[in-house]
Amino acid sequence: MSGWVRYLELTAKAKTGFSPTLLILLGVAAALGLAATVLLIVTVFIFCSEQFGPLRTGIGMTLTFLVLCLGCVFAAIRARRKTMEEAQAATAARSTRAMFDTSVLSLGLEIGRTIGWRRLVPIVAVALIAAGVAKEWARRSAPKDADEA
C-alpha cells in the first residue's frame, strides 16, 4: 500500500510543486515583505517629520528588505520548479520500473503456468502492441502546452 501512497505523493508534487522548502521560502518572503512595508511607512513618517537625516537610512533599509524579499520569491519559484521536475522524473522512472517489479513478474509466471505458455504468448503480444498504439495516440492527442511545461 505504501507504493500507492508514494505514487500519489509524487503525482501531487509533480502537479503542484509543493515542498517544505517552498513553504519556508514563501513564509520568509511574506515576513520580509511585511517588514519592507512597515519600514516604508516609517520612512515616509520620518521624511514628513524631518527633511533629511534619517531618511536615507530608512530608504536604504527598505530597499534592502525589498531586495531580500524578491530574492526569496525567486528562490521559491526555482525550488518549486525543481521539485516538480524531480517528482515528474521519479514518477516516470517508477512507471518504467513497475513492469519489472518482482511481484509483477511472479504474478506473470503464475498466470503463464495456469493458462499455458503457448496460449499466453499471442495474448501478451497483442496486449503490448495495443499498449504501444494507445501510448502513441495519447501522446499525439495531448495538448502541446502539457509537453512544454
N, C-alpha and C. Protein backbone atom coordinates (compact mmCIF):
# COMPACT_ATOMS: atom_id res chain seq x y z
N MET A 1 0.81 -1.20 0.00
CA MET A 1 0.00 0.00 0.00
C MET A 1 0.86 1.26 0.00
N SER A 2 2.06 1.20 0.59
CA SER A 2 2.91 2.38 0.64
C SER A 2 3.39 2.80 -0.75
N GLY A 3 3.44 1.85 -1.68
CA GLY A 3 3.81 2.19 -3.05
C GLY A 3 2.80 3.14 -3.67
N TRP A 4 1.53 2.91 -3.41
CA TRP A 4 0.47 3.78 -3.93
C TRP A 4 0.53 5.15 -3.27
N VAL A 5 0.82 5.17 -1.98
CA VAL A 5 0.92 6.44 -1.27
C VAL A 5 2.07 7.26 -1.83
N ARG A 6 3.22 6.61 -2.07
CA ARG A 6 4.37 7.30 -2.65
C ARG A 6 4.05 7.80 -4.06
N TYR A 7 3.35 6.99 -4.85
CA TYR A 7 2.96 7.41 -6.19
C TYR A 7 2.05 8.64 -6.13
N LEU A 8 1.07 8.63 -5.23
CA LEU A 8 0.17 9.78 -5.10
C LEU A 8 0.93 11.02 -4.62
N GLU A 9 1.89 10.82 -3.73
CA GLU A 9 2.70 11.94 -3.25
C GLU A 9 3.52 12.54 -4.40
N LEU A 10 4.14 11.68 -5.20
CA LEU A 10 4.94 12.16 -6.33
C LEU A 10 4.06 12.85 -7.37
N THR A 11 2.88 12.30 -7.61
CA THR A 11 1.97 12.92 -8.57
C THR A 11 1.54 14.30 -8.08
N ALA A 12 1.22 14.41 -6.80
CA ALA A 12 0.83 15.71 -6.25
C ALA A 12 1.98 16.71 -6.33
N LYS A 13 3.20 16.25 -6.05
CA LYS A 13 4.36 17.14 -6.16
C LYS A 13 4.60 17.56 -7.60
N ALA A 14 4.40 16.63 -8.53
CA ALA A 14 4.63 16.94 -9.94
C ALA A 14 3.63 17.98 -10.43
N LYS A 15 2.41 17.96 -9.92
CA LYS A 15 1.39 18.89 -10.39
C LYS A 15 1.43 20.22 -9.66
N THR A 16 1.76 20.22 -8.37
CA THR A 16 1.71 21.46 -7.59
C THR A 16 3.08 22.05 -7.32
N GLY A 17 4.11 21.21 -7.23
CA GLY A 17 5.45 21.69 -6.90
C GLY A 17 5.60 22.01 -5.42
N PHE A 18 4.67 21.57 -4.59
CA PHE A 18 4.71 21.86 -3.16
C PHE A 18 5.82 21.07 -2.48
N SER A 19 6.54 21.75 -1.61
CA SER A 19 7.57 21.11 -0.80
C SER A 19 7.76 21.94 0.46
N PRO A 20 8.37 21.37 1.48
CA PRO A 20 8.65 22.17 2.68
C PRO A 20 9.54 23.37 2.39
N THR A 21 10.47 23.23 1.46
CA THR A 21 11.33 24.36 1.09
C THR A 21 10.51 25.51 0.53
N LEU A 22 9.54 25.18 -0.33
CA LEU A 22 8.68 26.21 -0.89
C LEU A 22 7.90 26.92 0.20
N LEU A 23 7.36 26.17 1.14
CA LEU A 23 6.59 26.75 2.23
C LEU A 23 7.44 27.67 3.09
N ILE A 24 8.67 27.25 3.42
CA ILE A 24 9.55 28.07 4.25
C ILE A 24 9.95 29.35 3.51
N LEU A 25 10.31 29.21 2.23
CA LEU A 25 10.73 30.40 1.48
C LEU A 25 9.58 31.38 1.29
N LEU A 26 8.37 30.89 1.06
CA LEU A 26 7.24 31.79 0.94
C LEU A 26 6.92 32.47 2.28
N GLY A 27 7.12 31.75 3.38
CA GLY A 27 6.93 32.36 4.70
C GLY A 27 7.95 33.46 4.96
N VAL A 28 9.21 33.19 4.62
CA VAL A 28 10.26 34.21 4.78
C VAL A 28 9.97 35.40 3.88
N ALA A 29 9.53 35.15 2.65
CA ALA A 29 9.22 36.24 1.72
C ALA A 29 8.06 37.08 2.26
N ALA A 30 7.05 36.44 2.85
CA ALA A 30 5.93 37.19 3.42
C ALA A 30 6.40 38.05 4.58
N ALA A 31 7.25 37.48 5.45
CA ALA A 31 7.75 38.24 6.59
C ALA A 31 8.59 39.43 6.13
N LEU A 32 9.45 39.20 5.14
CA LEU A 32 10.29 40.29 4.63
C LEU A 32 9.45 41.33 3.90
N GLY A 33 8.41 40.91 3.20
CA GLY A 33 7.51 41.86 2.56
C GLY A 33 6.78 42.72 3.57
N LEU A 34 6.35 42.11 4.66
CA LEU A 34 5.70 42.86 5.74
C LEU A 34 6.68 43.85 6.36
N ALA A 35 7.91 43.39 6.59
CA ALA A 35 8.93 44.28 7.15
C ALA A 35 9.22 45.44 6.21
N ALA A 36 9.28 45.19 4.92
CA ALA A 36 9.53 46.25 3.95
C ALA A 36 8.40 47.28 3.96
N THR A 37 7.18 46.79 4.08
CA THR A 37 6.04 47.71 4.12
C THR A 37 6.09 48.58 5.37
N VAL A 38 6.38 47.97 6.52
CA VAL A 38 6.47 48.73 7.77
C VAL A 38 7.59 49.76 7.68
N LEU A 39 8.73 49.33 7.15
CA LEU A 39 9.84 50.28 7.03
C LEU A 39 9.54 51.40 6.05
N LEU A 40 8.79 51.11 5.02
CA LEU A 40 8.42 52.16 4.08
C LEU A 40 7.50 53.17 4.75
N ILE A 41 6.59 52.70 5.55
CA ILE A 41 5.70 53.62 6.27
C ILE A 41 6.50 54.46 7.27
N VAL A 42 7.43 53.83 7.98
CA VAL A 42 8.27 54.57 8.92
C VAL A 42 9.11 55.60 8.16
N THR A 43 9.60 55.22 7.00
CA THR A 43 10.41 56.14 6.20
C THR A 43 9.59 57.35 5.75
N VAL A 44 8.37 57.11 5.34
CA VAL A 44 7.50 58.22 4.94
C VAL A 44 7.25 59.14 6.14
N PHE A 45 7.06 58.53 7.30
CA PHE A 45 6.85 59.33 8.51
C PHE A 45 8.08 60.17 8.82
N ILE A 46 9.25 59.55 8.74
CA ILE A 46 10.49 60.29 9.02
C ILE A 46 10.67 61.40 8.00
N PHE A 47 10.36 61.15 6.77
CA PHE A 47 10.50 62.17 5.72
C PHE A 47 9.60 63.36 5.99
N CYS A 48 8.42 63.06 6.44
CA CYS A 48 7.50 64.16 6.72
C CYS A 48 7.91 64.94 7.97
N SER A 49 8.49 64.28 8.97
CA SER A 49 8.84 64.97 10.21
C SER A 49 10.21 65.64 10.13
N GLU A 50 11.13 65.00 9.51
CA GLU A 50 12.46 65.57 9.36
C GLU A 50 12.85 65.49 7.89
N GLN A 51 13.41 66.51 7.38
CA GLN A 51 13.67 66.55 5.95
C GLN A 51 14.78 65.61 5.50
N PHE A 52 15.88 65.48 6.20
CA PHE A 52 16.96 64.71 5.60
C PHE A 52 17.54 63.61 6.47
N GLY A 53 18.22 63.74 7.46
CA GLY A 53 18.99 62.77 8.22
C GLY A 53 18.54 61.30 8.17
N PRO A 54 17.53 60.93 8.90
CA PRO A 54 17.12 59.52 8.96
C PRO A 54 16.48 58.99 7.67
N LEU A 55 16.18 59.90 6.76
CA LEU A 55 15.50 59.48 5.52
C LEU A 55 16.34 58.51 4.70
N ARG A 56 17.58 58.84 4.48
CA ARG A 56 18.42 57.96 3.66
C ARG A 56 18.59 56.58 4.31
N THR A 57 18.70 56.56 5.62
CA THR A 57 18.81 55.28 6.32
C THR A 57 17.54 54.45 6.15
N GLY A 58 16.39 55.10 6.30
CA GLY A 58 15.11 54.39 6.16
C GLY A 58 14.90 53.84 4.76
N ILE A 59 15.23 54.65 3.77
CA ILE A 59 15.07 54.19 2.38
C ILE A 59 16.06 53.06 2.09
N GLY A 60 17.26 53.18 2.60
CA GLY A 60 18.25 52.11 2.40
C GLY A 60 17.81 50.80 3.01
N MET A 61 17.25 50.86 4.24
CA MET A 61 16.77 49.64 4.88
C MET A 61 15.56 49.06 4.13
N THR A 62 14.68 49.94 3.68
CA THR A 62 13.51 49.47 2.95
C THR A 62 13.93 48.77 1.66
N LEU A 63 14.84 49.37 0.93
CA LEU A 63 15.31 48.75 -0.31
C LEU A 63 16.03 47.43 -0.03
N THR A 64 16.76 47.36 1.06
CA THR A 64 17.44 46.12 1.42
C THR A 64 16.43 45.00 1.66
N PHE A 65 15.38 45.30 2.44
CA PHE A 65 14.37 44.28 2.69
C PHE A 65 13.59 43.90 1.43
N LEU A 66 13.36 44.88 0.56
CA LEU A 66 12.67 44.56 -0.70
C LEU A 66 13.52 43.65 -1.57
N VAL A 67 14.82 43.91 -1.63
CA VAL A 67 15.71 43.05 -2.41
C VAL A 67 15.74 41.64 -1.83
N LEU A 68 15.82 41.53 -0.50
CA LEU A 68 15.79 40.22 0.14
C LEU A 68 14.47 39.49 -0.13
N CYS A 69 13.38 40.22 -0.09
CA CYS A 69 12.07 39.63 -0.36
C CYS A 69 12.00 39.10 -1.80
N LEU A 70 12.43 39.90 -2.75
CA LEU A 70 12.42 39.45 -4.15
C LEU A 70 13.34 38.25 -4.35
N GLY A 71 14.48 38.24 -3.66
CA GLY A 71 15.39 37.09 -3.75
C GLY A 71 14.73 35.82 -3.24
N CYS A 72 13.99 35.92 -2.14
CA CYS A 72 13.28 34.75 -1.60
C CYS A 72 12.18 34.28 -2.54
N VAL A 73 11.47 35.22 -3.14
CA VAL A 73 10.41 34.83 -4.08
C VAL A 73 11.01 34.10 -5.28
N PHE A 74 12.10 34.62 -5.83
CA PHE A 74 12.73 33.95 -6.97
C PHE A 74 13.29 32.59 -6.57
N ALA A 75 13.85 32.48 -5.36
CA ALA A 75 14.34 31.19 -4.88
C ALA A 75 13.19 30.21 -4.70
N ALA A 76 12.05 30.69 -4.22
CA ALA A 76 10.87 29.83 -4.05
C ALA A 76 10.36 29.33 -5.40
N ILE A 77 10.36 30.20 -6.40
CA ILE A 77 9.92 29.79 -7.74
C ILE A 77 10.86 28.73 -8.29
N ARG A 78 12.16 28.94 -8.09
CA ARG A 78 13.14 27.96 -8.56
C ARG A 78 13.00 26.63 -7.81
N ALA A 79 12.77 26.70 -6.51
CA ALA A 79 12.60 25.47 -5.71
C ALA A 79 11.34 24.73 -6.14
N ARG A 80 10.28 25.45 -6.46
CA ARG A 80 9.04 24.82 -6.92
C ARG A 80 9.26 24.10 -8.24
N ARG A 81 9.91 24.76 -9.17
CA ARG A 81 10.18 24.12 -10.47
C ARG A 81 11.06 22.88 -10.31
N LYS A 82 12.07 22.98 -9.45
CA LYS A 82 12.96 21.85 -9.24
C LYS A 82 12.20 20.68 -8.62
N THR A 83 11.33 20.97 -7.66
CA THR A 83 10.53 19.92 -7.02
C THR A 83 9.61 19.26 -8.04
N MET A 84 8.99 20.06 -8.91
CA MET A 84 8.11 19.50 -9.93
C MET A 84 8.89 18.61 -10.90
N GLU A 85 10.07 19.06 -11.33
CA GLU A 85 10.87 18.27 -12.26
C GLU A 85 11.35 16.96 -11.63
N GLU A 86 11.78 17.03 -10.36
CA GLU A 86 12.23 15.82 -9.68
C GLU A 86 11.09 14.83 -9.49
N ALA A 87 9.91 15.33 -9.14
CA ALA A 87 8.76 14.44 -8.94
C ALA A 87 8.32 13.83 -10.27
N GLN A 88 8.35 14.62 -11.34
CA GLN A 88 7.98 14.08 -12.65
C GLN A 88 8.98 13.01 -13.09
N ALA A 89 10.26 13.27 -12.86
CA ALA A 89 11.28 12.28 -13.23
C ALA A 89 11.13 11.01 -12.40
N ALA A 90 10.86 11.16 -11.11
CA ALA A 90 10.67 9.99 -10.26
C ALA A 90 9.42 9.21 -10.65
N THR A 91 8.36 9.93 -11.02
CA THR A 91 7.13 9.26 -11.45
C THR A 91 7.38 8.50 -12.75
N ALA A 92 8.11 9.11 -13.69
CA ALA A 92 8.41 8.44 -14.95
C ALA A 92 9.30 7.21 -14.71
N ALA A 93 10.29 7.36 -13.84
CA ALA A 93 11.17 6.22 -13.54
C ALA A 93 10.39 5.11 -12.85
N ARG A 94 9.47 5.48 -11.99
CA ARG A 94 8.67 4.49 -11.27
C ARG A 94 7.76 3.74 -12.23
N SER A 95 7.18 4.44 -13.21
CA SER A 95 6.28 3.76 -14.14
C SER A 95 7.03 2.79 -15.04
N THR A 96 8.30 3.09 -15.36
CA THR A 96 9.06 2.15 -16.18
C THR A 96 9.54 0.96 -15.36
N ARG A 97 9.81 1.18 -14.06
CA ARG A 97 10.25 0.09 -13.20
C ARG A 97 9.11 -0.82 -12.77
N ALA A 98 7.87 -0.31 -12.78
CA ALA A 98 6.74 -1.08 -12.26
C ALA A 98 6.54 -2.38 -13.03
N MET A 99 6.86 -2.38 -14.33
CA MET A 99 6.67 -3.58 -15.13
C MET A 99 7.63 -4.69 -14.70
N PHE A 100 8.80 -4.33 -14.20
CA PHE A 100 9.80 -5.31 -13.84
C PHE A 100 9.87 -5.56 -12.33
N ASP A 101 8.85 -5.18 -11.62
CA ASP A 101 8.77 -5.44 -10.19
C ASP A 101 8.66 -6.94 -9.97
N THR A 102 9.26 -7.45 -8.89
CA THR A 102 9.28 -8.90 -8.65
C THR A 102 7.88 -9.46 -8.44
N SER A 103 7.01 -8.71 -7.80
CA SER A 103 5.65 -9.22 -7.61
C SER A 103 4.91 -9.32 -8.94
N VAL A 104 5.14 -8.36 -9.85
CA VAL A 104 4.51 -8.42 -11.16
C VAL A 104 5.06 -9.59 -11.97
N LEU A 105 6.38 -9.79 -11.89
CA LEU A 105 6.97 -10.90 -12.62
C LEU A 105 6.49 -12.25 -12.08
N SER A 106 6.41 -12.40 -10.76
CA SER A 106 5.92 -13.67 -10.21
C SER A 106 4.46 -13.90 -10.55
N LEU A 107 3.67 -12.83 -10.57
CA LEU A 107 2.27 -12.96 -10.99
C LEU A 107 2.20 -13.39 -12.45
N GLY A 108 3.06 -12.81 -13.29
CA GLY A 108 3.09 -13.20 -14.70
C GLY A 108 3.47 -14.67 -14.88
N LEU A 109 4.45 -15.13 -14.11
CA LEU A 109 4.84 -16.54 -14.19
C LEU A 109 3.70 -17.46 -13.76
N GLU A 110 2.98 -17.07 -12.72
CA GLU A 110 1.85 -17.88 -12.24
C GLU A 110 0.73 -17.93 -13.28
N ILE A 111 0.47 -16.80 -13.92
CA ILE A 111 -0.56 -16.77 -14.98
C ILE A 111 -0.10 -17.63 -16.15
N GLY A 112 1.19 -17.54 -16.47
CA GLY A 112 1.72 -18.35 -17.57
C GLY A 112 1.59 -19.83 -17.30
N ARG A 113 1.82 -20.24 -16.08
CA ARG A 113 1.67 -21.65 -15.74
C ARG A 113 0.21 -22.09 -15.78
N THR A 114 -0.68 -21.21 -15.32
CA THR A 114 -2.11 -21.55 -15.27
C THR A 114 -2.71 -21.65 -16.67
N ILE A 115 -2.50 -20.63 -17.48
CA ILE A 115 -3.10 -20.61 -18.82
C ILE A 115 -2.32 -21.49 -19.79
N GLY A 116 -1.03 -21.49 -19.67
CA GLY A 116 -0.18 -22.21 -20.61
C GLY A 116 0.56 -21.21 -21.48
N TRP A 117 1.85 -21.47 -21.65
CA TRP A 117 2.68 -20.51 -22.37
C TRP A 117 2.30 -20.39 -23.84
N ARG A 118 1.88 -21.43 -24.46
CA ARG A 118 1.54 -21.37 -25.88
C ARG A 118 0.31 -20.50 -26.13
N ARG A 119 -0.61 -20.48 -25.20
CA ARG A 119 -1.79 -19.62 -25.35
C ARG A 119 -1.49 -18.19 -24.90
N LEU A 120 -0.59 -18.03 -23.96
CA LEU A 120 -0.33 -16.72 -23.37
C LEU A 120 0.52 -15.82 -24.25
N VAL A 121 1.45 -16.38 -25.00
CA VAL A 121 2.37 -15.57 -25.81
C VAL A 121 1.62 -14.70 -26.82
N PRO A 122 0.67 -15.22 -27.61
CA PRO A 122 -0.04 -14.33 -28.54
C PRO A 122 -0.87 -13.26 -27.82
N ILE A 123 -1.43 -13.59 -26.66
CA ILE A 123 -2.22 -12.60 -25.90
C ILE A 123 -1.32 -11.47 -25.43
N VAL A 124 -0.15 -11.80 -24.91
CA VAL A 124 0.80 -10.79 -24.45
C VAL A 124 1.28 -9.94 -25.62
N ALA A 125 1.55 -10.55 -26.75
CA ALA A 125 2.00 -9.80 -27.92
C ALA A 125 0.94 -8.79 -28.36
N VAL A 126 -0.30 -9.21 -28.41
CA VAL A 126 -1.39 -8.29 -28.80
C VAL A 126 -1.54 -7.18 -27.76
N ALA A 127 -1.42 -7.53 -26.48
CA ALA A 127 -1.54 -6.52 -25.43
C ALA A 127 -0.42 -5.49 -25.51
N LEU A 128 0.81 -5.92 -25.78
CA LEU A 128 1.92 -4.99 -25.92
C LEU A 128 1.74 -4.07 -27.13
N ILE A 129 1.28 -4.62 -28.23
CA ILE A 129 1.02 -3.79 -29.42
C ILE A 129 -0.07 -2.78 -29.12
N ALA A 130 -1.15 -3.23 -28.48
CA ALA A 130 -2.25 -2.32 -28.14
C ALA A 130 -1.79 -1.23 -27.18
N ALA A 131 -0.94 -1.59 -26.21
CA ALA A 131 -0.44 -0.59 -25.27
C ALA A 131 0.44 0.43 -25.99
N GLY A 132 1.27 -0.02 -26.92
CA GLY A 132 2.11 0.90 -27.68
C GLY A 132 1.29 1.84 -28.54
N VAL A 133 0.26 1.31 -29.19
CA VAL A 133 -0.61 2.15 -30.02
C VAL A 133 -1.36 3.16 -29.14
N ALA A 134 -1.87 2.70 -28.00
CA ALA A 134 -2.59 3.60 -27.10
C ALA A 134 -1.68 4.71 -26.57
N LYS A 135 -0.44 4.36 -26.24
CA LYS A 135 0.50 5.37 -25.75
C LYS A 135 0.80 6.39 -26.84
N GLU A 136 0.97 5.93 -28.07
CA GLU A 136 1.23 6.84 -29.19
C GLU A 136 0.04 7.76 -29.43
N TRP A 137 -1.17 7.22 -29.40
CA TRP A 137 -2.37 8.04 -29.59
C TRP A 137 -2.51 9.06 -28.47
N ALA A 138 -2.23 8.64 -27.25
CA ALA A 138 -2.34 9.56 -26.11
C ALA A 138 -1.31 10.68 -26.23
N ARG A 139 -0.11 10.34 -26.69
CA ARG A 139 0.92 11.36 -26.84
C ARG A 139 0.55 12.35 -27.94
N ARG A 140 -0.01 11.87 -29.03
CA ARG A 140 -0.39 12.76 -30.14
C ARG A 140 -1.59 13.62 -29.78
N SER A 141 -2.51 13.07 -28.99
CA SER A 141 -3.72 13.84 -28.66
C SER A 141 -3.50 14.78 -27.48
N ALA A 142 -2.36 14.67 -26.76
CA ALA A 142 -2.07 15.56 -25.64
C ALA A 142 -1.81 16.96 -26.18
N PRO A 143 -2.29 18.00 -25.46
CA PRO A 143 -2.03 19.36 -25.92
C PRO A 143 -0.54 19.69 -25.86
N LYS A 144 -0.10 20.56 -26.75
CA LYS A 144 1.31 20.89 -26.83
C LYS A 144 1.80 21.61 -25.57
N ASP A 145 0.92 22.35 -24.88
CA ASP A 145 1.31 23.05 -23.66
C ASP A 145 1.72 22.08 -22.58
N ALA A 146 1.08 20.89 -22.52
CA ALA A 146 1.42 19.91 -21.49
C ALA A 146 2.82 19.35 -21.73
N ASP A 147 3.23 19.23 -22.99
CA ASP A 147 4.56 18.70 -23.29
C ASP A 147 5.64 19.72 -22.96
N GLU A 148 5.36 21.02 -23.17
CA GLU A 148 6.34 22.06 -22.95
C GLU A 148 6.51 22.39 -21.48
N ALA A 149 5.48 22.21 -20.67
CA ALA A 149 5.53 22.61 -19.26
C ALA A 149 6.30 21.67 -18.41
